[in-house]
Amino acid sequence: MRKRGRKARCPYCHSDQTTARGYRKTEQMGLRPRRQCKSCGRGFTQPSRKPTTAR
């Protein structure tokens, strides 16, 4: 089975050894997938890939 995209990388220790840990609900972005790093144990969500527009 082929995986899509890049592996999620921990923003704290930069390891790519992460696991999915459910979802986080936000007002602005809706449901955001949560990840947990196997190396340092910290939880995080992936940053949005949408480009921001300057006004």
C-alpha atoms as a PDB file:
ATOM      1  CA  MET A   1       0.000   0.000   0.000  1.00  0.00           C
ATOM      2  CA  ARG A   2       1.372   3.402  -0.971  1.00  0.00           C
ATOM      3  CA  LYS A   3       1.171   6.316   1.480  1.00  0.00           C
ATOM      4  CA  ARG A   4       0.188   9.793   0.300  1.00  0.00           C
ATOM      5  CA  GLY A   5       2.238  12.907   1.004  1.00  0.00           C
ATOM      6  CA  ARG A   6       5.166  13.359   3.351  1.00  0.00           C
ATOM      7  CA  LYS A   7       5.583  11.869   6.802  1.00  0.00           C
ATOM      8  CA  ALA A   8       4.511  14.118   9.652  1.00  0.00           C
ATOM      9  CA  ARG A   9       7.574  15.600  11.349  1.00  0.00           C
ATOM     10  CA  CYS A  10       7.623  16.607  15.029  1.00  0.00           C
ATOM     11  CA  PRO A  11       8.047  20.415  15.337  1.00  0.00           C
ATOM     12  CA  TYR A  12       9.906  19.971  18.657  1.00  0.00           C
ATOM     13  CA  CYS A  13      12.541  17.274  18.007  1.00  0.00           C
ATOM     14  CA  HIS A  14      12.172  16.964  14.189  1.00  0.00           C
ATOM     15  CA  SER A  15      11.683  13.193  14.299  1.00  0.00           C
ATOM     16  CA  ASP A  16       9.477  11.552  11.666  1.00  0.00           C
ATOM     17  CA  GLN A  17       8.445   8.775  14.067  1.00  0.00           C
ATOM     18  CA  THR A  18       4.881   9.957  14.814  1.00  0.00           C
ATOM     19  CA  THR A  19       1.493   8.317  15.318  1.00  0.00           C
ATOM     20  CA  ALA A  20      -2.079   9.540  14.843  1.00  0.00           C
ATOM     21  CA  ARG A  21      -3.839  10.380  18.120  1.00  0.00           C
ATOM     22  CA  GLY A  22      -7.368  11.449  17.215  1.00  0.00           C
ATOM     23  CA  TYR A  23      -8.685  14.908  16.374  1.00  0.00           C
ATOM     24  CA  ARG A  24      -8.815  18.391  17.893  1.00  0.00           C
ATOM     25  CA  LYS A  25     -11.849  20.596  17.235  1.00  0.00           C
ATOM     26  CA  THR A  26     -11.214  24.289  16.513  1.00  0.00           C
ATOM     27  CA  GLU A  27     -13.585  27.134  15.654  1.00  0.00           C
ATOM     28  CA  GLN A  28     -11.574  28.418  12.690  1.00  0.00           C
ATOM     29  CA  MET A  29     -10.310  25.201  11.058  1.00  0.00           C
ATOM     30  CA  GLY A  30     -12.828  22.544  12.145  1.00  0.00           C
ATOM     31  CA  LEU A  31     -11.408  19.120  13.005  1.00  0.00           C
ATOM     32  CA  ARG A  32      -7.599  18.985  12.997  1.00  0.00           C
ATOM     33  CA  PRO A  33      -5.785  15.624  13.141  1.00  0.00           C
ATOM     34  CA  ARG A  34      -3.551  15.313  16.212  1.00  0.00           C
ATOM     35  CA  ARG A  35      -0.201  13.531  16.128  1.00  0.00           C
ATOM     36  CA  GLN A  36       2.116  12.325  18.885  1.00  0.00           C
ATOM     37  CA  CYS A  37       5.873  11.946  18.583  1.00  0.00           C
ATOM     38  CA  LYS A  38       7.312   8.557  19.559  1.00  0.00           C
ATOM     39  CA  SER A  39      10.732  10.092  20.288  1.00  0.00           C
ATOM     40  CA  CYS A  40       9.874  12.984  22.648  1.00  0.00           C
ATOM     41  CA  GLY A  41       6.247  12.109  23.485  1.00  0.00           C
ATOM     42  CA  ARG A  42       4.849  15.573  22.711  1.00  0.00           C
ATOM     43  CA  GLY A  43       1.560  16.091  20.897  1.00  0.00           C
ATOM     44  CA  PHE A  44       0.997  18.470  17.981  1.00  0.00           C
ATOM     45  CA  THR A  45      -1.189  19.265  14.977  1.00  0.00           C
ATOM     46  CA  GLN A  46       0.174  19.747  11.480  1.00  0.00           C
ATOM     47  CA  PRO A  47       0.311  23.350  10.236  1.00  0.00           C
ATOM     48  CA  SER A  48      -2.146  24.347   7.530  1.00  0.00           C
ATOM     49  CA  ARG A  49      -0.873  23.967   3.985  1.00  0.00           C
ATOM     50  CA  LYS A  50      -3.158  26.687   2.624  1.00  0.00           C
ATOM     51  CA  PRO A  51      -1.316  29.793   1.395  1.00  0.00           C
ATOM     52  CA  THR A  52      -2.220  33.026   3.128  1.00  0.00           C
ATOM     53  CA  THR A  53      -3.079  36.091   1.083  1.00  0.00           C
ATOM     54  CA  ALA A  54      -1.551  39.465   1.910  1.00  0.00           C
ATOM     55  CA  ARG A  55      -3.868  42.461   1.976  1.00  0.00           C
END
